[in-house]
Protein backbone atom coordinates (compact mmCIF):
# COMPACT_ATOMS: atom_id res chain seq x y z
CA UNK A 1 -56.18 -85.57 19.29
CA UNK A 2 -60.24 -85.14 18.70
CA UNK A 3 -59.43 -82.49 16.37
CA UNK A 4 -56.93 -84.76 14.28
CA UNK A 5 -59.91 -87.32 14.36
CA UNK A 6 -62.30 -84.89 13.18
CA UNK A 7 -59.92 -83.40 10.33
CA UNK A 8 -59.62 -87.25 9.05
CA UNK A 9 -63.65 -87.82 9.10
CA UNK A 10 -64.06 -84.38 7.03
CA UNK A 11 -61.13 -85.23 4.66
CA UNK A 12 -62.45 -88.59 4.04
CA UNK A 13 -65.86 -87.16 3.51
CA UNK A 14 -64.71 -84.47 1.23
CA UNK A 15 -62.47 -87.46 -0.49
CA UNK A 16 -65.42 -89.10 -1.82
CA UNK A 17 -67.80 -86.42 -2.35
CA UNK A 18 -64.51 -85.18 -4.49
CA UNK A 19 -64.05 -88.62 -6.33
CA UNK A 20 -67.55 -88.76 -7.40
CA UNK A 21 -68.39 -84.94 -8.52
CA UNK A 22 -64.67 -85.38 -10.42
CA UNK A 23 -65.71 -88.79 -11.61
CA UNK A 24 -69.07 -87.26 -13.24
CA UNK A 25 -67.97 -83.91 -14.38
CA UNK A 26 -63.94 -83.58 -14.29
CA UNK A 27 -64.02 -79.75 -13.44
CA UNK A 28 -61.38 -78.24 -12.65
CA UNK A 29 -63.13 -76.52 -9.57
CA UNK A 30 -62.98 -80.57 -8.24
CA UNK A 31 -59.52 -80.03 -8.45
CA UNK A 32 -58.88 -76.96 -6.71
CA UNK A 33 -60.81 -78.07 -4.14
CA UNK A 34 -58.59 -81.16 -3.84
CA UNK A 35 -55.53 -78.60 -3.66
CA UNK A 36 -56.92 -76.13 -0.91
CA UNK A 37 -58.03 -79.44 0.76
CA UNK A 38 -54.35 -81.20 1.14
CA UNK A 39 -52.96 -77.40 2.15
CA UNK A 40 -55.47 -77.34 4.86
CA UNK A 41 -54.48 -80.82 5.79
CA UNK A 42 -51.24 -80.03 5.68
CA UNK A 43 -51.77 -76.45 7.79
CA UNK A 44 -53.19 -78.67 10.47
CA UNK A 45 -50.40 -81.04 10.94
CA UNK A 46 -51.37 -83.77 8.83
CA UNK A 47 -48.19 -85.24 7.19
CA UNK A 48 -48.48 -86.73 3.54
CA UNK A 49 -48.11 -90.12 4.59
CA UNK A 50 -51.11 -89.50 6.69
CA UNK A 51 -52.82 -88.25 3.27
CA UNK A 52 -52.41 -91.51 1.61
CA UNK A 53 -53.20 -93.86 4.40
CA UNK A 54 -56.64 -91.49 4.77
CA UNK A 55 -57.11 -92.18 1.21
CA UNK A 56 -56.69 -95.65 1.05
CA UNK A 57 -58.95 -96.09 3.82
CA UNK A 58 -61.47 -93.94 2.18
CA UNK A 59 -61.04 -96.02 -1.13
CA UNK A 60 -61.47 -99.08 0.98
CA UNK A 61 -64.60 -98.03 2.24
CA UNK A 62 -66.26 -97.14 -0.92
CA UNK A 63 -65.42 -100.20 -2.33
CA UNK A 64 -66.85 -101.73 0.65
CA UNK A 65 -70.38 -99.57 0.35
CA UNK A 66 -70.22 -99.13 -3.08
CA UNK A 67 -69.58 -101.27 -5.30
CA UNK A 68 -71.02 -99.71 -8.81
CA UNK A 69 -67.70 -97.05 -8.61
CA UNK A 70 -65.17 -99.94 -7.83
CA UNK A 71 -63.79 -99.69 -11.92
CA UNK A 72 -60.27 -98.64 -13.00
CA UNK A 73 -61.57 -95.32 -14.07
CA UNK A 74 -63.02 -94.49 -10.68
CA UNK A 75 -59.67 -95.58 -9.49
CA UNK A 76 -57.55 -93.28 -11.88
CA UNK A 77 -59.97 -90.43 -11.35
CA UNK A 78 -59.42 -90.77 -7.73
CA UNK A 79 -55.70 -90.67 -7.75
CA UNK A 80 -55.86 -87.58 -9.56
CA UNK A 81 -57.75 -86.42 -6.82
CA UNK A 82 -54.98 -87.35 -4.19
CA UNK A 83 -52.27 -86.15 -6.21
CA UNK A 84 -54.03 -82.95 -6.02
CA UNK A 85 -53.91 -83.32 -2.25
CA UNK A 86 -50.17 -84.04 -1.78
CA UNK A 87 -49.30 -81.25 -4.07
CA UNK A 88 -49.19 -78.62 -1.26
CA UNK A 89 -46.88 -81.42 0.87
CA UNK A 90 -44.91 -81.55 -2.60
CA UNK A 91 -44.32 -78.26 -2.81
CA UNK A 92 -43.32 -77.53 0.75
CA UNK A 93 -40.54 -80.77 0.46
CA UNK A 94 -39.53 -79.04 -2.68
CA UNK A 95 -39.24 -76.06 -0.70
CA UNK A 96 -37.61 -77.51 1.90
CA UNK A 97 -34.79 -79.49 0.03
CA UNK A 98 -34.15 -75.81 -1.97
CA UNK A 99 -33.75 -74.30 1.56
CA UNK A 100 -31.93 -77.06 3.22
CA UNK A 101 -29.83 -76.80 -0.72
CA UNK A 102 -29.19 -73.50 -0.19
CA UNK A 103 -28.20 -73.90 3.47
CA UNK A 104 -25.95 -76.76 2.46
CA UNK A 105 -24.01 -74.02 -0.11
CA UNK A 106 -23.96 -71.27 2.77
CA UNK A 107 -22.65 -73.66 4.87
CA UNK A 108 -19.73 -74.98 2.64
CA UNK A 109 -19.24 -71.25 1.66
CA UNK A 110 -19.20 -70.36 4.98
CA UNK A 111 -16.58 -73.56 5.91
CA UNK A 112 -14.56 -72.08 3.04
CA UNK A 113 -14.31 -69.21 4.61
CA UNK A 114 -13.52 -70.12 7.66
CA UNK A 115 -10.81 -71.90 6.38
CA UNK A 116 -9.22 -68.98 4.27
CA UNK A 117 -9.71 -67.06 7.26
CA UNK A 118 -7.98 -69.77 9.26
CA UNK A 119 -4.85 -69.82 6.43
CA UNK A 120 -5.11 -65.88 6.65
CA UNK A 121 -4.39 -65.98 9.96
CA UNK A 122 -1.62 -68.62 9.89
CA UNK A 123 -0.06 -65.95 6.95
CA UNK A 124 -0.51 -63.14 9.52
CA UNK A 125 0.85 -64.80 12.20
CA UNK A 126 3.77 -65.90 10.45
CA UNK A 127 3.91 -62.56 8.44
CA UNK A 128 3.74 -60.98 11.71
CA UNK A 129 6.54 -62.85 13.31
CA UNK A 130 8.65 -61.96 10.06
CA UNK A 131 7.88 -58.52 10.71
CA UNK A 132 9.05 -58.47 14.06
CA UNK A 133 12.40 -60.33 13.32
CA UNK A 134 12.73 -57.98 10.67
CA UNK A 135 12.43 -55.18 13.23
CA UNK A 136 14.45 -56.60 15.76
CA UNK A 137 17.21 -57.48 13.65
CA UNK A 138 17.17 -54.60 11.46
CA UNK A 139 20.00 -52.46 11.23
CA UNK A 140 18.03 -49.05 10.71
CA UNK A 141 15.98 -47.77 13.71
CA UNK A 142 11.81 -48.34 13.52
CA UNK A 143 10.60 -45.53 15.09
CA UNK A 144 6.36 -45.26 15.97
CA UNK A 145 5.92 -41.51 16.87
CA UNK A 146 2.61 -39.45 17.27
CA UNK A 147 2.47 -35.80 15.91
CA UNK A 148 3.72 -34.15 18.87
CA UNK A 149 6.76 -36.02 18.49
CA UNK A 150 6.14 -38.55 21.34
CA UNK A 151 7.65 -41.99 21.30
CA UNK A 152 5.75 -44.55 21.43
CA UNK A 153 7.81 -47.63 20.36
CA UNK A 154 11.99 -47.85 19.03
CA UNK A 155 13.46 -51.14 17.78
CA UNK A 156 16.01 -52.82 19.30
CA UNK A 157 18.71 -51.42 16.80
CA UNK A 158 18.52 -47.83 18.73
CA UNK A 159 20.74 -49.20 21.14
CA UNK A 160 23.32 -50.18 18.60
CA UNK A 161 23.43 -46.59 16.93
CA UNK A 162 22.02 -43.93 19.75
CA UNK A 163 23.07 -45.91 22.95
CA UNK A 164 19.53 -46.35 24.68
CA UNK A 165 17.33 -48.82 25.50
CA UNK A 166 14.11 -48.93 23.57
CA UNK A 167 12.07 -49.12 26.86
CA UNK A 168 14.57 -45.80 27.82
CA UNK A 169 12.81 -43.17 25.11
CA UNK A 170 9.01 -44.84 25.47
CA UNK A 171 6.80 -41.74 26.13
CA UNK A 172 9.90 -39.22 25.55
CA UNK A 173 9.61 -36.40 22.82
CA UNK A 174 11.82 -36.91 20.09
CA UNK A 175 12.42 -33.10 19.86
CA UNK A 176 14.12 -33.33 23.40
CA UNK A 177 16.76 -35.49 21.30
CA UNK A 178 17.13 -33.49 18.02
CA UNK A 179 19.66 -30.72 17.42
CA UNK A 180 18.40 -27.23 18.31
CA UNK A 181 19.81 -26.01 15.09
CA UNK A 182 17.79 -29.06 13.40
CA UNK A 183 14.05 -28.41 14.86
CA UNK A 184 12.60 -26.29 12.60
CA UNK A 185 13.52 -28.64 9.69
CA UNK A 186 11.87 -31.90 11.53
CA UNK A 187 8.69 -30.25 12.10
CA UNK A 188 8.49 -28.87 8.64
CA UNK A 189 8.66 -32.13 7.30
CA UNK A 190 5.88 -33.87 10.13
CA UNK A 191 3.99 -30.75 8.84
CA UNK A 192 4.20 -32.42 5.18
CA UNK A 193 2.95 -35.77 6.49
CA UNK A 194 0.26 -34.31 8.25
CA UNK A 195 -1.08 -32.06 5.43
CA UNK A 196 -0.34 -34.96 3.10
CA UNK A 197 -1.04 -38.44 4.50
CA UNK A 198 -0.26 -40.36 1.99
CA UNK A 199 3.16 -39.04 1.20
CA UNK A 200 6.37 -40.18 2.67
CA UNK A 201 9.13 -37.47 3.47
CA UNK A 202 12.73 -37.77 4.16
CA UNK A 203 15.05 -35.48 6.40
CA UNK A 204 18.99 -35.70 7.61
CA UNK A 205 19.56 -33.94 11.12
CA UNK A 206 21.50 -34.68 14.11
CA UNK A 207 20.08 -36.49 16.91
CA UNK A 208 22.25 -36.98 20.35
CA UNK A 209 23.64 -40.13 21.05
CA UNK A 210 23.36 -41.02 24.74
CA UNK A 211 27.21 -40.51 25.93
CA UNK A 212 26.19 -36.85 24.75
CA UNK A 213 27.23 -36.99 21.42
CA UNK A 214 26.25 -36.14 18.50
CA UNK A 215 25.29 -38.28 15.04
CA UNK A 216 23.83 -37.68 11.83
CA UNK A 217 20.81 -39.63 11.01
CA UNK A 218 18.78 -39.76 7.70
CA UNK A 219 14.81 -40.96 8.10
CA UNK A 220 11.62 -41.49 5.87
CA UNK A 221 8.18 -40.98 7.49
CA UNK A 222 5.02 -41.88 6.59
CA UNK A 223 1.75 -41.59 8.48
CA UNK A 224 -0.21 -44.98 9.79
CA UNK A 225 -3.31 -45.66 11.76
CA UNK A 226 -2.58 -47.40 14.51
CA UNK A 227 -5.59 -49.28 16.13
CA UNK A 228 -4.44 -47.72 20.24
CA UNK A 229 -2.65 -44.58 19.27
CA UNK A 230 -4.53 -43.55 16.09
CA UNK A 231 -2.89 -41.50 13.87
CA UNK A 232 0.79 -41.55 13.80
CA UNK A 233 3.77 -42.06 11.94
CA UNK A 234 6.38 -44.83 11.74
CA UNK A 235 9.86 -43.36 11.07
CA UNK A 236 12.93 -45.54 9.41
CA UNK A 237 16.05 -43.89 10.32
CA UNK A 238 19.89 -45.22 9.36
CA UNK A 239 22.95 -43.29 11.04
CA UNK A 240 24.90 -41.42 8.00
CA UNK A 241 27.47 -39.67 10.12
CA UNK A 242 30.31 -40.97 8.01
CA UNK A 243 28.50 -40.04 4.79
CA UNK A 244 27.55 -36.26 5.90
CA UNK A 245 31.59 -35.93 7.18
CA UNK A 246 32.84 -37.80 3.80
CA UNK A 247 30.47 -35.30 1.83
CA UNK A 248 31.89 -32.76 3.86
CA UNK A 249 35.28 -33.29 3.32
CA UNK A 250 34.64 -33.99 -0.35
CA UNK A 251 32.95 -30.36 -0.66
CA UNK A 252 35.69 -28.49 1.16
CA UNK A 253 38.28 -30.32 -1.19
CA UNK A 254 35.82 -29.17 -4.45
CA UNK A 255 36.32 -25.70 -2.58
CA UNK A 256 40.13 -26.23 -2.45
CA UNK A 257 40.58 -27.33 -5.98
CA UNK A 258 38.46 -24.54 -7.01
CA UNK A 259 40.31 -21.95 -5.17
CA UNK A 260 43.42 -23.95 -6.44
CA UNK A 261 42.45 -23.62 -9.88
CA UNK A 262 41.83 -19.73 -9.42
CA UNK A 263 45.16 -19.12 -7.84
CA UNK A 264 47.15 -21.46 -10.05
CA UNK A 265 45.11 -20.29 -13.24
CA UNK A 266 44.14 -23.19 -14.46
CA UNK A 267 41.31 -25.40 -15.48
CA UNK A 268 39.97 -29.05 -15.68
CA UNK A 269 38.40 -30.81 -19.08
CA UNK A 270 37.52 -34.23 -19.98
CA UNK A 271 36.54 -35.54 -23.20
CA UNK A 272 35.05 -38.30 -24.95
CA UNK A 273 35.92 -39.13 -28.53
CA UNK A 274 33.40 -41.95 -28.52
CA UNK A 275 30.72 -39.39 -28.39
CA UNK A 276 32.68 -35.85 -29.03
CA UNK A 277 31.80 -34.29 -26.22
CA UNK A 278 33.69 -31.96 -23.83
CA UNK A 279 32.94 -31.18 -20.05
CA UNK A 280 34.61 -28.29 -18.31
CA UNK A 281 35.40 -26.82 -15.04
CA UNK A 282 33.81 -23.22 -13.92
CA UNK A 283 37.47 -21.63 -13.77
CA UNK A 284 38.81 -22.84 -17.17
CA UNK A 285 35.39 -21.42 -18.88
CA UNK A 286 36.70 -18.15 -16.95
CA UNK A 287 40.00 -18.41 -18.56
CA UNK A 288 38.77 -18.85 -21.82
CA UNK A 289 35.85 -15.35 -21.19
CA UNK A 290 33.01 -17.38 -21.15
CA UNK A 291 30.58 -18.30 -18.71
CA UNK A 292 30.06 -21.29 -16.84
CA UNK A 293 26.92 -22.53 -18.66
CA UNK A 294 29.08 -21.04 -22.28
CA UNK A 295 31.54 -23.82 -22.16
CA UNK A 296 32.14 -25.70 -25.97
CA UNK A 297 29.92 -28.85 -25.57
CA UNK A 298 32.15 -30.59 -28.38
CA UNK A 299 35.56 -31.00 -29.47
CA UNK A 300 35.44 -28.91 -32.87
CA UNK A 301 33.86 -26.03 -30.44
CA UNK A 302 36.81 -25.60 -27.96
CA UNK A 303 38.95 -25.94 -31.20
CA UNK A 304 37.00 -23.00 -32.57
CA UNK A 305 38.84 -20.92 -29.91
CA UNK A 306 42.45 -21.29 -31.30
CA UNK A 307 44.17 -19.46 -33.66
CA UNK A 308 43.18 -21.08 -37.00
CA UNK A 309 47.18 -21.83 -37.55
CA UNK A 310 46.82 -23.61 -34.35
CA UNK A 311 43.79 -25.40 -34.68
CA UNK A 312 44.63 -28.89 -37.29
CA UNK A 313 47.84 -28.94 -35.17
CA UNK A 314 46.24 -29.39 -31.42
CA UNK A 315 43.47 -31.90 -33.18
CA UNK A 316 45.95 -34.08 -34.41
CA UNK A 317 47.82 -34.16 -31.43
CA UNK A 318 44.87 -35.15 -28.55
CA UNK A 319 43.18 -37.85 -31.56
CA UNK A 320 47.07 -39.48 -31.74
CA UNK A 321 47.52 -39.59 -28.09
CA UNK A 322 44.01 -40.58 -27.28
CA UNK A 323 44.63 -43.93 -29.91
CA UNK A 324 47.83 -44.03 -28.29
CA UNK A 325 46.56 -43.73 -25.01
CA UNK A 326 49.72 -41.74 -24.21
CA UNK A 327 50.44 -38.58 -22.16
CA UNK A 328 50.07 -35.09 -24.00
CA UNK A 329 51.03 -31.41 -23.45
CA UNK A 330 50.97 -28.61 -25.41
CA UNK A 331 51.21 -24.88 -26.02
CA UNK A 332 48.31 -22.66 -27.67
CA UNK A 333 46.92 -19.35 -28.01
CA UNK A 334 43.38 -18.52 -27.51
CA UNK A 335 41.10 -16.05 -29.15
CA UNK A 336 38.37 -14.72 -26.23
CA UNK A 337 35.64 -13.20 -26.49
CA UNK A 338 36.88 -10.04 -25.07
CA UNK A 339 39.34 -9.91 -27.86
CA UNK A 340 42.48 -10.56 -25.73
CA UNK A 341 44.72 -13.35 -26.70
CA UNK A 342 45.97 -16.16 -23.90
CA UNK A 343 48.58 -18.22 -23.87
CA UNK A 344 47.60 -21.52 -22.75
CA UNK A 345 49.44 -24.68 -21.35
CA UNK A 346 47.48 -27.87 -21.86
CA UNK A 347 47.92 -31.16 -20.77
CA UNK A 348 45.81 -34.18 -21.08
CA UNK A 349 45.87 -38.40 -20.20
CA UNK A 350 43.88 -41.22 -21.25
CA UNK A 351 41.78 -43.23 -18.61
CA UNK A 352 39.66 -45.98 -18.49
CA UNK A 353 36.16 -44.93 -16.61
CA UNK A 354 35.30 -48.63 -15.07
CA UNK A 355 31.53 -47.52 -14.24
CA UNK A 356 30.66 -46.78 -18.00
CA UNK A 357 33.47 -49.28 -19.53
CA UNK A 358 34.27 -46.26 -21.88
CA UNK A 359 37.85 -44.57 -22.50
CA UNK A 360 38.38 -40.75 -22.34
CA UNK A 361 40.53 -38.00 -22.04
CA UNK A 362 40.57 -36.18 -18.76
CA UNK A 363 43.36 -33.03 -18.36
CA UNK A 364 44.39 -29.34 -17.63
CA UNK A 365 44.85 -26.20 -19.24
CA UNK A 366 46.81 -23.70 -17.37
CA UNK A 367 46.86 -19.47 -18.72
CA UNK A 368 50.66 -19.05 -18.69
CA UNK A 369 50.57 -15.72 -20.71
CA UNK A 370 52.02 -13.76 -17.62
CA UNK A 371 54.54 -17.11 -17.01
CA UNK A 372 55.32 -16.37 -20.75
CA UNK A 373 55.96 -12.91 -20.67
CA UNK A 374 58.02 -13.50 -17.48
CA UNK A 375 60.21 -16.31 -19.14
CA UNK A 376 60.83 -13.59 -22.01
CA UNK A 377 61.70 -11.01 -20.01
CA UNK A 378 63.97 -13.29 -17.46
CA UNK A 379 65.72 -14.68 -20.73
CA UNK A 380 66.44 -11.48 -21.80
CA UNK A 381 68.07 -10.71 -18.44
CA UNK A 382 69.69 -13.83 -18.48
CA UNK A 383 71.09 -13.08 -21.99
CA UNK A 384 72.04 -9.59 -20.66
CA UNK A 385 73.34 -11.27 -17.22
CA UNK A 386 75.47 -13.41 -19.63
CA UNK A 387 77.11 -11.08 -21.63
CA UNK A 388 77.81 -9.15 -18.59
CA UNK A 389 79.18 -12.04 -17.06
CA UNK A 390 81.37 -12.45 -19.76
CA UNK A 391 82.40 -9.36 -19.97
CA UNK A 392 83.45 -9.32 -16.42
CA UNK A 393 85.19 -12.74 -16.70
CA UNK A 394 87.15 -10.75 -19.46
CA UNK A 395 87.74 -7.52 -17.54
CA UNK A 396 88.61 -9.94 -14.33
CA UNK A 397 91.24 -12.00 -16.49
CA UNK A 398 92.48 -8.39 -17.91
CA UNK A 399 92.98 -7.18 -14.11
CA UNK A 400 94.72 -10.51 -13.42
CA UNK A 401 96.87 -10.28 -16.44
CA UNK A 402 97.88 -6.69 -15.48
CA UNK A 403 98.57 -7.48 -11.44
CA UNK A 404 100.45 -10.83 -12.66
CA UNK A 405 102.55 -7.97 -14.72
CA UNK A 406 102.50 -5.39 -11.63
CA UNK A 407 103.61 -8.52 -9.52
CA UNK A 408 106.13 -10.04 -11.73
CA UNK A 409 107.61 -6.75 -13.59
CA UNK A 410 107.29 -4.46 -10.17
CA UNK A 411 107.48 -5.70 -7.25
CA UNK A 412 109.48 -9.02 -8.07
CA UNK A 413 112.12 -6.18 -9.33
CA UNK A 414 111.71 -4.16 -6.23
CA UNK A 415 112.74 -7.38 -4.22
CA UNK A 416 115.45 -8.12 -6.24
CA UNK A 417 116.12 -4.57 -6.20
CA UNK A 418 115.94 -4.39 -1.95
CA UNK A 419 117.78 -7.92 -1.68
CA UNK A 420 120.78 -6.23 -3.85
CA UNK A 421 120.67 -3.30 -1.67
CA UNK A 422 121.08 -5.28 1.23
CA UNK A 423 124.33 -6.85 -0.25
CA UNK A 424 125.98 -3.65 -0.72
CA UNK A 425 125.16 -2.46 2.67
CA UNK A 426 126.40 -5.09 4.25
CA UNK A 427 129.61 -4.66 2.25
CA UNK A 428 130.06 -1.29 3.31
CA UNK A 429 129.24 -2.15 7.30
CA UNK A 430 131.94 -4.89 6.87
CA UNK A 431 134.70 -2.09 5.18
CA UNK A 432 133.71 0.61 7.65
CA UNK A 433 133.32 -1.71 11.11
CA UNK A 434 135.38 -4.72 10.14
CA UNK A 435 134.93 -8.28 9.51
CA UNK A 436 134.12 -9.42 13.37
CA UNK A 437 130.95 -6.67 13.58
CA UNK A 438 129.96 -8.41 10.07
CA UNK A 439 130.36 -11.79 11.51
CA UNK A 440 128.21 -11.14 14.44
CA UNK A 441 125.29 -9.93 12.38
CA UNK A 442 125.46 -12.90 9.69
CA UNK A 443 122.52 -14.51 11.22
CA UNK A 444 120.00 -12.11 11.08
CA UNK A 445 121.20 -11.48 7.69
CA UNK A 446 121.08 -14.86 6.59
CA UNK A 447 117.49 -14.84 7.73
CA UNK A 448 116.60 -11.36 5.87
CA UNK A 449 118.11 -12.72 2.45
CA UNK A 450 115.92 -16.13 3.08
CA UNK A 451 112.68 -13.96 3.89
CA UNK A 452 112.91 -12.03 0.42
CA UNK A 453 113.84 -15.07 -1.20
CA UNK A 454 110.53 -16.31 0.12
CA UNK A 455 108.76 -13.41 -0.72
CA UNK A 456 109.96 -13.13 -4.63
CA UNK A 457 109.30 -16.95 -4.96
CA UNK A 458 105.81 -16.41 -3.48
CA UNK A 459 105.22 -13.37 -6.12
CA UNK A 460 106.21 -15.77 -9.03
CA UNK A 461 103.83 -17.95 -7.89
CA UNK A 462 101.18 -15.70 -7.11
CA UNK A 463 101.71 -13.96 -10.81
CA UNK A 464 101.77 -17.34 -12.60
CA UNK A 465 98.65 -18.99 -10.90
CA UNK A 466 97.12 -14.95 -11.52
CA UNK A 467 98.50 -16.03 -15.18
CA UNK A 468 100.15 -18.15 -16.00
CA UNK A 469 102.89 -17.44 -18.64
CA UNK A 470 103.40 -21.32 -20.01
CA UNK A 471 99.56 -21.13 -20.68
CA UNK A 472 100.60 -18.18 -23.53
CA UNK A 473 103.84 -19.55 -24.45
CA UNK A 474 102.93 -23.14 -25.04
CA UNK A 475 99.36 -23.80 -24.60
CA UNK A 476 96.59 -25.53 -22.56
CA UNK A 477 98.42 -29.13 -22.62
CA UNK A 478 101.58 -27.49 -21.12
CA UNK A 479 99.76 -25.61 -18.79
CA UNK A 480 97.85 -28.59 -17.44
CA UNK A 481 100.68 -30.53 -17.02
CA UNK A 482 102.78 -27.32 -14.89
CA UNK A 483 99.34 -27.00 -12.63
CA UNK A 484 99.24 -30.37 -11.45
CA UNK A 485 102.98 -30.87 -10.65
CA UNK A 486 102.62 -27.67 -8.87
CA UNK A 487 99.15 -29.00 -7.70
CA UNK A 488 101.12 -32.24 -6.50
CA UNK A 489 104.24 -30.58 -4.83
CA UNK A 490 102.07 -28.48 -2.68
CA UNK A 491 99.72 -31.20 -1.64
CA UNK A 492 101.17 -34.16 -1.76
CA UNK A 493 98.22 -35.26 -3.61
CA UNK A 494 99.41 -38.12 -6.66
CA UNK A 495 97.97 -36.43 -9.95
CA UNK A 496 97.93 -38.20 -13.35
CA UNK A 497 97.48 -36.39 -16.87
CA UNK A 498 96.19 -37.96 -20.16
CA UNK A 499 96.28 -36.05 -23.48
CA UNK A 500 94.14 -38.17 -25.86
CA UNK A 501 93.78 -34.90 -27.95
CA UNK A 502 96.16 -34.12 -31.73
CA UNK A 503 96.20 -30.76 -32.30
CA UNK A 504 94.40 -28.08 -29.80
CA UNK A 505 95.48 -25.11 -31.82
CA UNK A 506 92.08 -24.23 -32.51
CA UNK A 507 90.87 -23.23 -29.87
CA UNK A 508 90.64 -19.14 -28.85
CA UNK A 509 92.09 -17.37 -26.03
CA UNK A 510 89.46 -16.82 -24.21
CA UNK A 511 88.47 -20.87 -24.26
CA UNK A 512 92.01 -21.70 -23.17
CA UNK A 513 91.57 -19.33 -20.33
CA UNK A 514 88.39 -20.74 -19.34
CA UNK A 515 89.12 -24.13 -19.76
CA UNK A 516 92.36 -23.56 -17.56
CA UNK A 517 90.26 -21.91 -14.85
CA UNK A 518 87.48 -25.03 -14.44
CA UNK A 519 91.01 -27.26 -14.00
CA UNK A 520 92.07 -24.50 -11.46
CA UNK A 521 88.28 -24.50 -9.41
CA UNK A 522 87.96 -28.49 -9.86
CA UNK A 523 91.18 -29.07 -7.88
CA UNK A 524 90.93 -26.36 -5.08
CA UNK A 525 87.53 -28.03 -4.86
CA UNK A 526 89.07 -31.71 -4.27
CA UNK A 527 91.95 -30.27 -1.95
CA UNK A 528 88.82 -28.59 -0.03
CA UNK A 529 86.56 -31.24 -0.27
CA UNK A 530 87.29 -34.68 -1.26
CA UNK A 531 89.43 -36.12 1.06
CA UNK A 532 91.33 -37.85 -2.16
CA UNK A 533 95.04 -39.20 -2.53
CA UNK A 534 95.13 -39.68 -6.38
CA UNK A 535 93.51 -37.20 -9.15
CA UNK A 536 93.20 -38.62 -12.69
CA UNK A 537 92.96 -35.94 -15.48
CA UNK A 538 91.95 -36.68 -19.07
CA UNK A 539 91.93 -34.55 -22.24
CA UNK A 540 90.07 -35.50 -25.07
CA UNK A 541 87.56 -34.16 -27.96
CA UNK A 542 84.62 -35.92 -29.31
CA UNK A 543 82.94 -34.26 -32.67
CA UNK A 544 82.78 -30.68 -32.01
CA UNK A 545 83.21 -30.71 -28.30
CA UNK A 546 86.63 -31.04 -25.82
CA UNK A 547 85.95 -33.08 -23.31
CA UNK A 548 87.92 -32.15 -19.86
CA UNK A 549 87.15 -35.11 -17.11
CA UNK A 550 88.39 -35.41 -13.35
CA UNK A 551 88.48 -38.08 -10.99
CA UNK A 552 89.29 -38.72 -7.82
CA UNK A 553 89.08 -41.29 -5.44
CA UNK A 554 87.80 -39.19 -2.70
CA UNK A 555 84.69 -39.07 -0.48
CA UNK A 556 82.22 -37.46 -3.54
CA UNK A 557 79.57 -35.13 -3.45
CA UNK A 558 75.48 -35.78 -3.48
CA UNK A 559 74.21 -34.71 -6.35
CA UNK A 560 71.49 -32.74 -4.72
CA UNK A 561 74.67 -30.84 -3.33
CA UNK A 562 75.24 -29.09 -6.65
CA UNK A 563 72.52 -26.98 -6.65
CA UNK A 564 73.13 -25.57 -3.64
CA UNK A 565 72.85 -21.67 -3.72
CA UNK A 566 76.32 -21.98 -1.89
CA UNK A 567 78.08 -23.82 -4.44
CA UNK A 568 79.95 -20.82 -5.74
CA UNK A 569 82.66 -22.90 -7.27
CA UNK A 570 80.33 -25.57 -8.92
CA UNK A 571 78.54 -22.48 -10.44
CA UNK A 572 81.09 -20.47 -11.58
CA UNK A 573 82.36 -23.75 -13.64
CA UNK A 574 78.81 -23.89 -15.08
CA UNK A 575 78.73 -20.42 -16.15
CA UNK A 576 82.01 -20.84 -17.90
CA UNK A 577 81.02 -23.95 -19.56
CA UNK A 578 78.41 -21.97 -20.88
CA UNK A 579 79.88 -18.77 -21.68
CA UNK A 580 81.95 -21.29 -23.87
CA UNK A 581 78.60 -22.31 -25.51
């Protein structure tokens, strides 16, 4: 308190002295002294307002004691002294104001930062809840493991996919669950992650379900830094067992298709007329004698493999069927690079590709060179067989004529002679032994004559069936009438014949015989299988063709039974008709 009084007294003295000096000389040195005085007062703890009061008291004291310096000029000059004295206070206040301003600015920035952090914390909490919901409800398994394979975290979906509760696997080593054959693959992928921390690595492997079965997982893993566990991996896994099984089935199907194409000697192709591009299977390339990467990429390059005289025809057929969207089948020859000519049969159809929204052609080409050769051989054999059959049939008919003639002429005559001999023997016995003796043997003799008559009748019937004389004498129409009457008499099945022809004189002897034999075989089949009660036969001409129609009211026959190997009667009828053309 005493020091402050001294300070005030000193300052008052300094004020008075500086005012007089400045009034007399107005020097810069006086103003400097005033500034230093103000700084001293400020440093000593005096306030600016106290300094102003002290200045006012000094001026009052000077006005009382020194009336000579009461002029306005003196007061003005003394105010300059006061301004310099207050200047340090003003500088300090200005510094405080600047500091306060900066503090306020920093405070506002801090408030903004705090607000931003609050918003970030809210977003982080929301994101955390969202991420947690994603993990808890994700279909895939989210796993965190260290580089040794120890499981640090498992998402709830592990129960749905693998049957384990998440807490069951914490601390377990994932390699204990992986199939032994896939362990090296997974270790290799983990090493790739360790070597490149920014790379995500995928793998497909088998893992053991809780029930002991093996399922396939597809996993994507990348390196992360956990605040607690340190460097580790986050792994996203999904079950792909169905996809792997389907892929293996597709692979087997493709292998089977390739094998089937090799066995069947056919390959597949695809053609897009809009782009003029073609794709071939490996087997089709082999058929053409080229490598699987050398197949013709364009339609024109494919045509170059064809014979010159077939290129335009094949080209027009394929493009025409593409425009009409119809199936196509065509046979053609190719000349392979090795100089061999092969015969191929191509098939194709137009399909709509929904994926690309375009229409294209797909098809196959089969190497039928060997089949073609075999077909030609078979046709030659068939023609030879037909000629042989015709020859055998002619020989058979001639043999039938011979047998019929021998039966009719020789056996029939011998039976007639036998009957006459028995009559003569009976007359001789009657003369020698008397009438009574012959009458005792009469029943036996009558039975013998009856049996001989039956044998003669059978010989005539067999002879007629082998070669009905009526066929040669009166022709086909009367032979049919006679045969139907005999059939009806022997079987009691009613028959009806309708002849719609005017003249059958143009038929050759072989044709007449074949038609009659076909009718005989038909009637035999009706008797054996049809269980019919009525048969109707119709003969008519249609252009250059002669139609023989036989209908019955029996049980009928299934279509597939007509081609059975044991249907010899029908086969024989077909062969006879074929020989007639």
